[in-house]
Amino acid sequence: MEKINLKQKFSNLFEYWSPRVISEMNDYQIKIVKIKGDFIWHHHEKTDELFYVIEGRLCIHFSDSTVVLDKGDLFVVPKGVDHMPSAESECLVMLIEPKGTKNTGNRDSDLSSDNDIWI
């Protein structure tokens, strides 16, 4: 049982689009990720995906709309819904999702990240 300082954790995260685990709760992992630019279109077949913006502005694009999240905003993308996160400038995001969730969901990509990497 230790407290987690998000500012310190983010200072040790150097790559964009590479989520890292900072804690676990039941069968869920709490991850942080730095993002900049466009991700890929994808969906998660078996789980929702929670995004919480710590710093910056995150856009989550859908086929027919875009949700814009600013610092302090939270959004849950329902399972099975195609989406593409993006950020014009660096954005710090917390993700909460089940253990083993692949960051690129149903797609393989150069942006696919290994699971279960702790920071």
PDB file of N, CA and C in Angstrom:
ATOM      1  N   MET A   1       0.847  -1.183   0.000  1.00  0.00           N
ATOM      2  CA  MET A   1       0.000   0.000   0.000  1.00  0.00           C
ATOM      3  C   MET A   1       0.886   1.238   0.000  1.00  0.00           C
ATOM      4  N   GLU A   2       0.964   1.878  -1.143  1.00  0.00           N
ATOM      5  CA  GLU A   2       1.741   3.099  -1.287  1.00  0.00           C
ATOM      6  C   GLU A   2       0.955   4.112  -2.094  1.00  0.00           C
ATOM      7  N   LYS A   3       1.132   5.378  -1.738  1.00  0.00           N
ATOM      8  CA  LYS A   3       0.476   6.414  -2.534  1.00  0.00           C
ATOM      9  C   LYS A   3       1.217   6.548  -3.865  1.00  0.00           C
ATOM     10  N   ILE A   4       0.511   7.051  -4.858  1.00  0.00           N
ATOM     11  CA  ILE A   4       1.055   7.218  -6.195  1.00  0.00           C
ATOM     12  C   ILE A   4       0.979   8.691  -6.548  1.00  0.00           C
ATOM     13  N   ASN A   5       2.101   9.247  -6.962  1.00  0.00           N
ATOM     14  CA  ASN A   5       2.142  10.639  -7.392  1.00  0.00           C
ATOM     15  C   ASN A   5       2.145  10.657  -8.924  1.00  0.00           C
ATOM     16  N   LEU A   6       1.045  11.117  -9.513  1.00  0.00           N
ATOM     17  CA  LEU A   6       0.906  11.085 -10.971  1.00  0.00           C
ATOM     18  C   LEU A   6       1.951  11.949 -11.668  1.00  0.00           C
ATOM     19  N   LYS A   7       2.255  13.113 -11.105  1.00  0.00           N
ATOM     20  CA  LYS A   7       3.255  13.985 -11.717  1.00  0.00           C
ATOM     21  C   LYS A   7       4.595  13.260 -11.832  1.00  0.00           C
ATOM     22  N   GLN A   8       4.986  12.563 -10.777  1.00  0.00           N
ATOM     23  CA  GLN A   8       6.242  11.820 -10.774  1.00  0.00           C
ATOM     24  C   GLN A   8       6.188  10.675 -11.784  1.00  0.00           C
ATOM     25  N   LYS A   9       5.076   9.967 -11.823  1.00  0.00           N
ATOM     26  CA  LYS A   9       4.943   8.848 -12.767  1.00  0.00           C
ATOM     27  C   LYS A   9       5.036   9.334 -14.220  1.00  0.00           C
ATOM     28  N   PHE A  10       4.321  10.433 -14.529  1.00  0.00           N
ATOM     29  CA  PHE A  10       4.372  10.962 -15.892  1.00  0.00           C
ATOM     30  C   PHE A  10       5.770  11.442 -16.261  1.00  0.00           C
ATOM     31  N   SER A  11       6.546  11.922 -15.283  1.00  0.00           N
ATOM     32  CA  SER A  11       7.902  12.403 -15.573  1.00  0.00           C
ATOM     33  C   SER A  11       8.826  11.262 -16.004  1.00  0.00           C
ATOM     34  N   ASN A  12       8.451  10.030 -15.729  1.00  0.00           N
ATOM     35  CA  ASN A  12       9.239   8.862 -16.126  1.00  0.00           C
ATOM     36  C   ASN A  12       8.704   8.180 -17.380  1.00  0.00           C
ATOM     37  N   LEU A  13       7.734   8.805 -18.021  1.00  0.00           N
ATOM     38  CA  LEU A  13       7.116   8.256 -19.232  1.00  0.00           C
ATOM     39  C   LEU A  13       7.601   9.087 -20.417  1.00  0.00           C
ATOM     40  N   PHE A  14       8.339   8.474 -21.344  1.00  0.00           N
ATOM     41  CA  PHE A  14       9.005   9.229 -22.398  1.00  0.00           C
ATOM     42  C   PHE A  14       8.430   9.001 -23.792  1.00  0.00           C
ATOM     43  N   GLU A  15       7.701   7.920 -23.998  1.00  0.00           N
ATOM     44  CA  GLU A  15       7.170   7.604 -25.324  1.00  0.00           C
ATOM     45  C   GLU A  15       5.682   7.917 -25.391  1.00  0.00           C
ATOM     46  N   TYR A  16       5.241   8.393 -26.555  1.00  0.00           N
ATOM     47  CA  TYR A  16       3.815   8.596 -26.785  1.00  0.00           C
ATOM     48  C   TYR A  16       3.148   7.264 -27.127  1.00  0.00           C
ATOM     49  N   TRP A  17       1.890   7.154 -26.757  1.00  0.00           N
ATOM     50  CA  TRP A  17       1.051   6.004 -27.099  1.00  0.00           C
ATOM     51  C   TRP A  17       1.563   4.692 -26.507  1.00  0.00           C
ATOM     52  N   SER A  18       2.248   4.765 -25.371  1.00  0.00           N
ATOM     53  CA  SER A  18       2.763   3.568 -24.708  1.00  0.00           C
ATOM     54  C   SER A  18       2.245   3.517 -23.275  1.00  0.00           C
ATOM     55  N   PRO A  19       1.029   3.005 -23.081  1.00  0.00           N
ATOM     56  CA  PRO A  19       0.437   2.984 -21.736  1.00  0.00           C
ATOM     57  C   PRO A  19       1.275   2.165 -20.760  1.00  0.00           C
ATOM     58  N   ARG A  20       1.351   2.648 -19.524  1.00  0.00           N
ATOM     59  CA  ARG A  20       2.086   1.969 -18.460  1.00  0.00           C
ATOM     60  C   ARG A  20       1.185   1.835 -17.236  1.00  0.00           C
ATOM     61  N   VAL A  21       1.281   0.703 -16.587  1.00  0.00           N
ATOM     62  CA  VAL A  21       0.461   0.408 -15.412  1.00  0.00           C
ATOM     63  C   VAL A  21       1.037   1.128 -14.197  1.00  0.00           C
ATOM     64  N   ILE A  22       0.151   1.772 -13.421  1.00  0.00           N
ATOM     65  CA  ILE A  22       0.587   2.402 -12.176  1.00  0.00           C
ATOM     66  C   ILE A  22      -0.074   1.763 -10.952  1.00  0.00           C
ATOM     67  N   SER A  23      -1.151   1.002 -11.180  1.00  0.00           N
ATOM     68  CA  SER A  23      -1.829   0.357 -10.059  1.00  0.00           C
ATOM     69  C   SER A  23      -2.825  -0.678 -10.595  1.00  0.00           C
ATOM     70  N   GLU A  24      -3.291  -1.525  -9.686  1.00  0.00           N
ATOM     71  CA  GLU A  24      -4.334  -2.498 -10.023  1.00  0.00           C
ATOM     72  C   GLU A  24      -5.431  -2.450  -8.979  1.00  0.00           C
ATOM     73  N   MET A  25      -6.636  -2.738  -9.441  1.00  0.00           N
ATOM     74  CA  MET A  25      -7.790  -2.817  -8.560  1.00  0.00           C
ATOM     75  C   MET A  25      -8.667  -3.958  -9.060  1.00  0.00           C
ATOM     76  N   ASN A  26      -8.785  -4.998  -8.256  1.00  0.00           N
ATOM     77  CA  ASN A  26      -9.502  -6.198  -8.679  1.00  0.00           C
ATOM     78  C   ASN A  26      -8.903  -6.701  -9.987  1.00  0.00           C
ATOM     79  N   ASP A  27      -9.701  -6.852 -11.029  1.00  0.00           N
ATOM     80  CA  ASP A  27      -9.195  -7.334 -12.315  1.00  0.00           C
ATOM     81  C   ASP A  27      -8.900  -6.190 -13.287  1.00  0.00           C
ATOM     82  N   TYR A  28      -8.807  -4.966 -12.753  1.00  0.00           N
ATOM     83  CA  TYR A  28      -8.578  -3.791 -13.586  1.00  0.00           C
ATOM     84  C   TYR A  28      -7.195  -3.211 -13.354  1.00  0.00           C
ATOM     85  N   GLN A  29      -6.670  -2.588 -14.397  1.00  0.00           N
ATOM     86  CA  GLN A  29      -5.411  -1.864 -14.273  1.00  0.00           C
ATOM     87  C   GLN A  29      -5.664  -0.378 -14.500  1.00  0.00           C
ATOM     88  N   ILE A  30      -4.965   0.427 -13.729  1.00  0.00           N
ATOM     89  CA  ILE A  30      -4.974   1.872 -13.914  1.00  0.00           C
ATOM     90  C   ILE A  30      -3.670   2.176 -14.640  1.00  0.00           C
ATOM     91  N   LYS A  31      -3.788   2.801 -15.806  1.00  0.00           N
ATOM     92  CA  LYS A  31      -2.626   3.063 -16.653  1.00  0.00           C
ATOM     93  C   LYS A  31      -2.529   4.555 -16.929  1.00  0.00           C
ATOM     94  N   ILE A  32      -1.306   5.005 -17.223  1.00  0.00           N
ATOM     95  CA  ILE A  32      -1.117   6.365 -17.697  1.00  0.00           C
ATOM     96  C   ILE A  32      -0.476   6.299 -19.072  1.00  0.00           C
ATOM     97  N   VAL A  33      -0.739   7.339 -19.863  1.00  0.00           N
ATOM     98  CA  VAL A  33      -0.184   7.395 -21.214  1.00  0.00           C
ATOM     99  C   VAL A  33      -0.036   8.849 -21.622  1.00  0.00           C
ATOM    100  N   LYS A  34       1.062   9.146 -22.319  1.00  0.00           N
ATOM    101  CA  LYS A  34       1.247  10.441 -22.947  1.00  0.00           C
ATOM    102  C   LYS A  34       0.860  10.278 -24.408  1.00  0.00           C
ATOM    103  N   ILE A  35       0.053  11.201 -24.910  1.00  0.00           N
ATOM    104  CA  ILE A  35      -0.357  11.101 -26.304  1.00  0.00           C
ATOM    105  C   ILE A  35      -0.099  12.417 -27.028  1.00  0.00           C
ATOM    106  N   LYS A  36       0.160  12.286 -28.300  1.00  0.00           N
ATOM    107  CA  LYS A  36       0.316  13.443 -29.183  1.00  0.00           C
ATOM    108  C   LYS A  36       0.157  12.930 -30.597  1.00  0.00           C
ATOM    109  N   GLY A  37      -0.639  13.626 -31.393  1.00  0.00           N
ATOM    110  CA  GLY A  37      -0.919  13.201 -32.757  1.00  0.00           C
ATOM    111  C   GLY A  37      -2.121  12.278 -32.794  1.00  0.00           C
ATOM    112  N   ASP A  38      -2.242  11.531 -33.867  1.00  0.00           N
ATOM    113  CA  ASP A  38      -3.376  10.625 -34.065  1.00  0.00           C
ATOM    114  C   ASP A  38      -2.988   9.197 -33.719  1.00  0.00           C
ATOM    115  N   PHE A  39      -3.931   8.481 -33.110  1.00  0.00           N
ATOM    116  CA  PHE A  39      -3.775   7.053 -32.873  1.00  0.00           C
ATOM    117  C   PHE A  39      -4.357   6.346 -34.098  1.00  0.00           C
ATOM    118  N   ILE A  40      -4.816   5.114 -33.951  1.00  0.00           N
ATOM    119  CA  ILE A  40      -5.444   4.390 -35.057  1.00  0.00           C
ATOM    120  C   ILE A  40      -6.919   4.151 -34.720  1.00  0.00           C
ATOM    121  N   TRP A  41      -7.709   3.943 -35.756  1.00  0.00           N
ATOM    122  CA  TRP A  41      -9.097   3.546 -35.555  1.00  0.00           C
ATOM    123  C   TRP A  41      -9.103   2.125 -35.020  1.00  0.00           C
ATOM    124  N   HIS A  42      -9.891   1.894 -33.966  1.00  0.00           N
ATOM    125  CA  HIS A  42      -9.969   0.559 -33.373  1.00  0.00           C
ATOM    126  C   HIS A  42     -11.181   0.492 -32.451  1.00  0.00           C
ATOM    127  N   HIS A  43     -11.450  -0.705 -31.947  1.00  0.00           N
ATOM    128  CA  HIS A  43     -12.461  -0.877 -30.898  1.00  0.00           C
ATOM    129  C   HIS A  43     -12.038  -2.037 -30.005  1.00  0.00           C
ATOM    130  N   HIS A  44     -12.668  -2.103 -28.861  1.00  0.00           N
ATOM    131  CA  HIS A  44     -12.423  -3.192 -27.910  1.00  0.00           C
ATOM    132  C   HIS A  44     -13.708  -4.018 -27.839  1.00  0.00           C
ATOM    133  N   GLU A  45     -13.606  -5.253 -28.269  1.00  0.00           N
ATOM    134  CA  GLU A  45     -14.801  -6.082 -28.401  1.00  0.00           C
ATOM    135  C   GLU A  45     -15.438  -6.461 -27.081  1.00  0.00           C
ATOM    136  N   LYS A  46     -14.634  -6.622 -26.018  1.00  0.00           N
ATOM    137  CA  LYS A  46     -15.172  -7.173 -24.772  1.00  0.00           C
ATOM    138  C   LYS A  46     -15.181  -6.198 -23.605  1.00  0.00           C
ATOM    139  N   THR A  47     -14.728  -4.948 -23.806  1.00  0.00           N
ATOM    140  CA  THR A  47     -14.681  -4.042 -22.661  1.00  0.00           C
ATOM    141  C   THR A  47     -14.872  -2.590 -23.066  1.00  0.00           C
ATOM    142  N   ASP A  48     -15.456  -1.832 -22.161  1.00  0.00           N
ATOM    143  CA  ASP A  48     -15.486  -0.385 -22.291  1.00  0.00           C
ATOM    144  C   ASP A  48     -14.074   0.124 -22.007  1.00  0.00           C
ATOM    145  N   GLU A  49     -13.810   1.403 -22.350  1.00  0.00           N
ATOM    146  CA  GLU A  49     -12.501   2.000 -22.097  1.00  0.00           C
ATOM    147  C   GLU A  49     -12.705   3.387 -21.496  1.00  0.00           C
ATOM    148  N   LEU A  50     -12.114   3.604 -20.318  1.00  0.00           N
ATOM    149  CA  LEU A  50     -12.262   4.876 -19.628  1.00  0.00           C
ATOM    150  C   LEU A  50     -11.045   5.758 -19.864  1.00  0.00           C
ATOM    151  N   PHE A  51     -11.285   6.997 -20.285  1.00  0.00           N
ATOM    152  CA  PHE A  51     -10.257   8.013 -20.472  1.00  0.00           C
ATOM    153  C   PHE A  51     -10.494   9.134 -19.462  1.00  0.00           C
ATOM    154  N   TYR A  52      -9.451   9.527 -18.718  1.00  0.00           N
ATOM    155  CA  TYR A  52      -9.524  10.659 -17.808  1.00  0.00           C
ATOM    156  C   TYR A  52      -8.334  11.571 -18.118  1.00  0.00           C
ATOM    157  N   VAL A  53      -8.608  12.814 -18.518  1.00  0.00           N
ATOM    158  CA  VAL A  53      -7.554  13.734 -18.924  1.00  0.00           C
ATOM    159  C   VAL A  53      -6.955  14.413 -17.693  1.00  0.00           C
ATOM    160  N   ILE A  54      -5.655  14.210 -17.509  1.00  0.00           N
ATOM    161  CA  ILE A  54      -4.915  14.817 -16.404  1.00  0.00           C
ATOM    162  C   ILE A  54      -4.424  16.207 -16.815  1.00  0.00           C
ATOM    163  N   GLU A  55      -3.876  16.322 -18.019  1.00  0.00           N
ATOM    164  CA  GLU A  55      -3.389  17.591 -18.581  1.00  0.00           C
ATOM    165  C   GLU A  55      -3.621  17.577 -20.083  1.00  0.00           C
ATOM    166  N   GLY A  56      -3.962  18.728 -20.640  1.00  0.00           N
ATOM    167  CA  GLY A  56      -4.084  18.849 -22.079  1.00  0.00           C
ATOM    168  C   GLY A  56      -5.504  18.681 -22.582  1.00  0.00           C
ATOM    169  N   ARG A  57      -5.605  18.432 -23.875  1.00  0.00           N
ATOM    170  CA  ARG A  57      -6.899  18.263 -24.545  1.00  0.00           C
ATOM    171  C   ARG A  57      -6.846  17.014 -25.413  1.00  0.00           C
ATOM    172  N   LEU A  58      -7.821  16.148 -25.226  1.00  0.00           N
ATOM    173  CA  LEU A  58      -7.934  14.889 -25.957  1.00  0.00           C
ATOM    174  C   LEU A  58      -9.198  14.912 -26.803  1.00  0.00           C
ATOM    175  N   CYS A  59      -9.067  14.534 -28.062  1.00  0.00           N
ATOM    176  CA  CYS A  59     -10.236  14.356 -28.926  1.00  0.00           C
ATOM    177  C   CYS A  59     -10.412  12.862 -29.156  1.00  0.00           C
ATOM    178  N   ILE A  60     -11.629  12.399 -29.009  1.00  0.00           N
ATOM    179  CA  ILE A  60     -11.947  11.007 -29.348  1.00  0.00           C
ATOM    180  C   ILE A  60     -12.916  11.060 -30.512  1.00  0.00           C
ATOM    181  N   HIS A  61     -12.446  10.614 -31.662  1.00  0.00           N
ATOM    182  CA  HIS A  61     -13.228  10.664 -32.890  1.00  0.00           C
ATOM    183  C   HIS A  61     -14.033   9.379 -33.043  1.00  0.00           C
ATOM    184  N   PHE A  62     -15.263   9.548 -33.468  1.00  0.00           N
ATOM    185  CA  PHE A  62     -16.164   8.446 -33.798  1.00  0.00           C
ATOM    186  C   PHE A  62     -16.583   8.626 -35.254  1.00  0.00           C
ATOM    187  N   SER A  63     -17.229   7.651 -35.834  1.00  0.00           N
ATOM    188  CA  SER A  63     -17.591   7.734 -37.247  1.00  0.00           C
ATOM    189  C   SER A  63     -18.490   8.925 -37.548  1.00  0.00           C
ATOM    190  N   ASP A  64     -19.278   9.355 -36.576  1.00  0.00           N
ATOM    191  CA  ASP A  64     -20.239  10.435 -36.831  1.00  0.00           C
ATOM    192  C   ASP A  64     -20.109  11.629 -35.886  1.00  0.00           C
ATOM    193  N   SER A  65     -19.078  11.643 -35.024  1.00  0.00           N
ATOM    194  CA  SER A  65     -18.933  12.744 -34.070  1.00  0.00           C
ATOM    195  C   SER A  65     -17.542  12.716 -33.439  1.00  0.00           C
ATOM    196  N   THR A  66     -17.259  13.755 -32.668  1.00  0.00           N
ATOM    197  CA  THR A  66     -16.012  13.844 -31.912  1.00  0.00           C
ATOM    198  C   THR A  66     -16.328  14.358 -30.515  1.00  0.00           C
ATOM    199  N   VAL A  67     -15.753  13.729 -29.513  1.00  0.00           N
ATOM    200  CA  VAL A  67     -15.873  14.191 -28.134  1.00  0.00           C
ATOM    201  C   VAL A  67     -14.550  14.853 -27.770  1.00  0.00           C
ATOM    202  N   VAL A  68     -14.617  16.083 -27.239  1.00  0.00           N
ATOM    203  CA  VAL A  68     -13.420  16.817 -26.837  1.00  0.00           C
ATOM    204  C   VAL A  68     -13.364  16.831 -25.316  1.00  0.00           C
ATOM    205  N   LEU A  69     -12.238  16.348 -24.777  1.00  0.00           N
ATOM    206  CA  LEU A  69     -12.047  16.276 -23.333  1.00  0.00           C
ATOM    207  C   LEU A  69     -10.907  17.207 -22.927  1.00  0.00           C
ATOM    208  N   ASP A  70     -11.151  18.031 -21.930  1.00  0.00           N
ATOM    209  CA  ASP A  70     -10.137  18.908 -21.369  1.00  0.00           C
ATOM    210  C   ASP A  70      -9.726  18.395 -19.999  1.00  0.00           C
ATOM    211  N   LYS A  71      -8.720  19.024 -19.414  1.00  0.00           N
ATOM    212  CA  LYS A  71      -8.221  18.648 -18.094  1.00  0.00           C
ATOM    213  C   LYS A  71      -9.383  18.452 -17.119  1.00  0.00           C
ATOM    214  N   GLY A  72      -9.395  17.294 -16.471  1.00  0.00           N
ATOM    215  CA  GLY A  72     -10.440  16.976 -15.502  1.00  0.00           C
ATOM    216  C   GLY A  72     -11.649  16.268 -16.075  1.00  0.00           C
ATOM    217  N   ASP A  73     -11.721  16.147 -17.408  1.00  0.00           N
ATOM    218  CA  ASP A  73     -12.856  15.469 -18.042  1.00  0.00           C
ATOM    219  C   ASP A  73     -12.610  13.974 -18.129  1.00  0.00           C
ATOM    220  N   LEU A  74     -13.705  13.225 -18.054  1.00  0.00           N
ATOM    221  CA  LEU A  74     -13.685  11.767 -18.109  1.00  0.00           C
ATOM    222  C   LEU A  74     -14.703  11.328 -19.137  1.00  0.00           C
ATOM    223  N   PHE A  75     -14.377  10.259 -19.880  1.00  0.00           N
ATOM    224  CA  PHE A  75     -15.301   9.725 -20.878  1.00  0.00           C
ATOM    225  C   PHE A  75     -15.097   8.230 -20.984  1.00  0.00           C
ATOM    226  N   VAL A  76     -16.196   7.496 -21.154  1.00  0.00           N
ATOM    227  CA  VAL A  76     -16.130   6.051 -21.338  1.00  0.00           C
ATOM    228  C   VAL A  76     -16.588   5.720 -22.755  1.00  0.00           C
ATOM    229  N   VAL A  77     -15.705   5.075 -23.508  1.00  0.00           N
ATOM    230  CA  VAL A  77     -16.047   4.585 -24.839  1.00  0.00           C
ATOM    231  C   VAL A  77     -16.644   3.192 -24.662  1.00  0.00           C
ATOM    232  N   PRO A  78     -17.890   2.991 -25.091  1.00  0.00           N
ATOM    233  CA  PRO A  78     -18.512   1.672 -24.934  1.00  0.00           C
ATOM    234  C   PRO A  78     -17.815   0.591 -25.765  1.00  0.00           C
ATOM    235  N   LYS A  79     -17.852  -0.629 -25.271  1.00  0.00           N
ATOM    236  CA  LYS A  79     -17.237  -1.735 -26.003  1.00  0.00           C
ATOM    237  C   LYS A  79     -17.850  -1.848 -27.390  1.00  0.00           C
ATOM    238  N   GLY A  80     -17.009  -2.238 -28.342  1.00  0.00           N
ATOM    239  CA  GLY A  80     -17.467  -2.453 -29.710  1.00  0.00           C
ATOM    240  C   GLY A  80     -17.593  -1.206 -30.555  1.00  0.00           C
ATOM    241  N   VAL A  81     -17.325  -0.016 -29.994  1.00  0.00           N
ATOM    242  CA  VAL A  81     -17.492   1.232 -30.742  1.00  0.00           C
ATOM    243  C   VAL A  81     -16.140   1.665 -31.316  1.00  0.00           C
ATOM    244  N   ASP A  82     -16.076   1.790 -32.648  1.00  0.00           N
ATOM    245  CA  ASP A  82     -14.852   2.262 -33.287  1.00  0.00           C
ATOM    246  C   ASP A  82     -14.567   3.698 -32.867  1.00  0.00           C
ATOM    247  N   HIS A  83     -13.291   3.947 -32.539  1.00  0.00           N
ATOM    248  CA  HIS A  83     -12.882   5.285 -32.125  1.00  0.00           C
ATOM    249  C   HIS A  83     -11.410   5.498 -32.446  1.00  0.00           C
ATOM    250  N   MET A  84     -11.028   6.781 -32.490  1.00  0.00           N
ATOM    251  CA  MET A  84      -9.636   7.151 -32.724  1.00  0.00           C
ATOM    252  C   MET A  84      -9.293   8.338 -31.833  1.00  0.00           C
ATOM    253  N   PRO A  85      -8.493   8.113 -30.793  1.00  0.00           N
ATOM    254  CA  PRO A  85      -8.039   9.221 -29.962  1.00  0.00           C
ATOM    255  C   PRO A  85      -6.990  10.054 -30.709  1.00  0.00           C
ATOM    256  N   SER A  86      -6.953  11.355 -30.390  1.00  0.00           N
ATOM    257  CA  SER A  86      -5.921  12.215 -30.941  1.00  0.00           C
ATOM    258  C   SER A  86      -5.725  13.426 -30.033  1.00  0.00           C
ATOM    259  N   ALA A  87      -4.566  14.059 -30.171  1.00  0.00           N
ATOM    260  CA  ALA A  87      -4.266  15.279 -29.425  1.00  0.00           C
ATOM    261  C   ALA A  87      -3.303  16.116 -30.253  1.00  0.00           C
ATOM    262  N   GLU A  88      -3.631  17.383 -30.447  1.00  0.00           N
ATOM    263  CA  GLU A  88      -2.741  18.267 -31.209  1.00  0.00           C
ATOM    264  C   GLU A  88      -1.446  18.516 -30.455  1.00  0.00           C
ATOM    265  N   SER A  89      -1.541  18.707 -29.142  1.00  0.00           N
ATOM    266  CA  SER A  89      -0.381  18.926 -28.281  1.00  0.00           C
ATOM    267  C   SER A  89      -0.316  17.792 -27.280  1.00  0.00           C
ATOM    268  N   GLU A  90       0.810  17.666 -26.593  1.00  0.00           N
ATOM    269  CA  GLU A  90       0.956  16.592 -25.614  1.00  0.00           C
ATOM    270  C   GLU A  90      -0.196  16.604 -24.615  1.00  0.00           C
ATOM    271  N   CYS A  91      -0.724  15.432 -24.357  1.00  0.00           N
ATOM    272  CA  CYS A  91      -1.849  15.254 -23.437  1.00  0.00           C
ATOM    273  C   CYS A  91      -1.518  14.085 -22.505  1.00  0.00           C
ATOM    274  N   LEU A  92      -1.791  14.264 -21.224  1.00  0.00           N
ATOM    275  CA  LEU A  92      -1.553  13.220 -20.225  1.00  0.00           C
ATOM    276  C   LEU A  92      -2.891  12.610 -19.835  1.00  0.00           C
ATOM    277  N   VAL A  93      -2.992  11.297 -19.962  1.00  0.00           N
ATOM    278  CA  VAL A  93      -4.270  10.609 -19.801  1.00  0.00           C
ATOM    279  C   VAL A  93      -4.126   9.418 -18.868  1.00  0.00           C
ATOM    280  N   MET A  94      -5.155   9.193 -18.055  1.00  0.00           N
ATOM    281  CA  MET A  94      -5.262   7.977 -17.253  1.00  0.00           C
ATOM    282  C   MET A  94      -6.309   7.085 -17.912  1.00  0.00           C
ATOM    283  N   LEU A  95      -5.993   5.801 -17.995  1.00  0.00           N
ATOM    284  CA  LEU A  95      -6.906   4.801 -18.542  1.00  0.00           C
ATOM    285  C   LEU A  95      -7.240   3.798 -17.445  1.00  0.00           C
ATOM    286  N   ILE A  96      -8.472   3.341 -17.431  1.00  0.00           N
ATOM    287  CA  ILE A  96      -8.852   2.253 -16.528  1.00  0.00           C
ATOM    288  C   ILE A  96      -9.517   1.195 -17.385  1.00  0.00           C
ATOM    289  N   GLU A  97      -8.929  -0.016 -17.341  1.00  0.00           N
ATOM    290  CA  GLU A  97      -9.432  -1.091 -18.183  1.00  0.00           C
ATOM    291  C   GLU A  97      -9.025  -2.439 -17.598  1.00  0.00           C
ATOM    292  N   PRO A  98      -9.704  -3.512 -18.000  1.00  0.00           N
ATOM    293  CA  PRO A  98      -9.356  -4.835 -17.481  1.00  0.00           C
ATOM    294  C   PRO A  98      -7.918  -5.227 -17.837  1.00  0.00           C
ATOM    295  N   LYS A  99      -7.309  -6.008 -16.972  1.00  0.00           N
ATOM    296  CA  LYS A  99      -5.981  -6.546 -17.267  1.00  0.00           C
ATOM    297  C   LYS A  99      -6.009  -7.232 -18.622  1.00  0.00           C
ATOM    298  N   GLY A 100      -4.926  -7.079 -19.371  1.00  0.00           N
ATOM    299  CA  GLY A 100      -4.805  -7.759 -20.656  1.00  0.00           C
ATOM    300  C   GLY A 100      -5.424  -7.027 -21.818  1.00  0.00           C
ATOM    301  N   THR A 101      -5.992  -5.841 -21.590  1.00  0.00           N
ATOM    302  CA  THR A 101      -6.604  -5.097 -22.686  1.00  0.00           C
ATOM    303  C   THR A 101      -5.520  -4.548 -23.608  1.00  0.00           C
ATOM    304  N   LYS A 102      -5.611  -4.887 -24.878  1.00  0.00           N
ATOM    305  CA  LYS A 102      -4.647  -4.436 -25.878  1.00  0.00           C
ATOM    306  C   LYS A 102      -4.969  -2.994 -26.259  1.00  0.00           C
ATOM    307  N   ASN A 103      -3.972  -2.128 -26.256  1.00  0.00           N
ATOM    308  CA  ASN A 103      -4.232  -0.702 -26.508  1.00  0.00           C
ATOM    309  C   ASN A 103      -4.798  -0.439 -27.899  1.00  0.00           C
ATOM    310  N   THR A 104      -4.489  -1.284 -28.866  1.00  0.00           N
ATOM    311  CA  THR A 104      -5.025  -1.099 -30.212  1.00  0.00           C
ATOM    312  C   THR A 104      -6.241  -1.992 -30.479  1.00  0.00           C
ATOM    313  N   GLY A 105      -6.802  -2.549 -29.416  1.00  0.00           N
ATOM    314  CA  GLY A 105      -8.041  -3.315 -29.521  1.00  0.00           C
ATOM    315  C   GLY A 105      -7.998  -4.404 -30.568  1.00  0.00           C
ATOM    316  N   ASN A 106      -8.880  -4.292 -31.557  1.00  0.00           N
ATOM    317  CA  ASN A 106      -9.038  -5.316 -32.586  1.00  0.00           C
ATOM    318  C   ASN A 106      -8.027  -5.202 -33.722  1.00  0.00           C
ATOM    319  N   ARG A 107      -7.085  -4.289 -33.603  1.00  0.00           N
ATOM    320  CA  ARG A 107      -6.123  -4.043 -34.678  1.00  0.00           C
ATOM    321  C   ARG A 107      -4.692  -4.314 -34.227  1.00  0.00           C
ATOM    322  N   ASP A 108      -3.877  -4.798 -35.151  1.00  0.00           N
ATOM    323  CA  ASP A 108      -2.438  -4.877 -34.935  1.00  0.00           C
ATOM    324  C   ASP A 108      -1.815  -3.672 -35.633  1.00  0.00           C
ATOM    325  N   SER A 109      -0.840  -3.071 -34.981  1.00  0.00           N
ATOM    326  CA  SER A 109      -0.258  -1.846 -35.505  1.00  0.00           C
ATOM    327  C   SER A 109       1.126  -1.641 -34.909  1.00  0.00           C
ATOM    328  N   ASP A 110       1.891  -0.744 -35.523  1.00  0.00           N
ATOM    329  CA  ASP A 110       3.170  -0.334 -34.942  1.00  0.00           C
ATOM    330  C   ASP A 110       2.946   0.324 -33.584  1.00  0.00           C
ATOM    331  N   LEU A 111       1.734   0.819 -33.341  1.00  0.00           N
ATOM    332  CA  LEU A 111       1.402   1.467 -32.063  1.00  0.00           C
ATOM    333  C   LEU A 111       0.924   0.481 -31.009  1.00  0.00           C
ATOM    334  N   SER A 112       0.796  -0.799 -31.373  1.00  0.00           N
ATOM    335  CA  SER A 112       0.426  -1.803 -30.378  1.00  0.00           C
ATOM    336  C   SER A 112       1.514  -1.858 -29.305  1.00  0.00           C
ATOM    337  N   SER A 113       1.092  -1.824 -28.056  1.00  0.00           N
ATOM    338  CA  SER A 113       2.028  -1.798 -26.931  1.00  0.00           C
ATOM    339  C   SER A 113       1.912  -3.087 -26.130  1.00  0.00           C
ATOM    340  N   ASP A 114       3.033  -3.531 -25.580  1.00  0.00           N
ATOM    341  CA  ASP A 114       2.978  -4.700 -24.712  1.00  0.00           C
ATOM    342  C   ASP A 114       2.147  -4.390 -23.471  1.00  0.00           C
ATOM    343  N   ASN A 115       1.472  -5.403 -22.968  1.00  0.00           N
ATOM    344  CA  ASN A 115       0.664  -5.255 -21.764  1.00  0.00           C
ATOM    345  C   ASN A 115       1.497  -5.465 -20.512  1.00  0.00           C
ATOM    346  N   ASP A 116       0.950  -5.004 -19.416  1.00  0.00           N
ATOM    347  CA  ASP A 116       1.487  -5.305 -18.091  1.00  0.00           C
ATOM    348  C   ASP A 116       2.889  -4.750 -17.840  1.00  0.00           C
ATOM    349  N   ILE A 117       3.184  -3.595 -18.449  1.00  0.00           N
ATOM    350  CA  ILE A 117       4.453  -2.919 -18.175  1.00  0.00           C
ATOM    351  C   ILE A 117       4.185  -1.836 -17.133  1.00  0.00           C
ATOM    352  N   TRP A 118       4.871  -1.954 -16.010  1.00  0.00           N
ATOM    353  CA  TRP A 118       4.672  -1.050 -14.877  1.00  0.00           C
ATOM    354  C   TRP A 118       5.689   0.096 -14.929  1.00  0.00           C
ATOM    355  N   ILE A 119       5.254   1.235 -14.423  1.00  0.00           N
ATOM    356  CA  ILE A 119       6.163   2.363 -14.304  1.00  0.00           C
ATOM    357  C   ILE A 119       6.166   2.858 -12.870  1.00  0.00           C
TER     358      ILE A 119
END
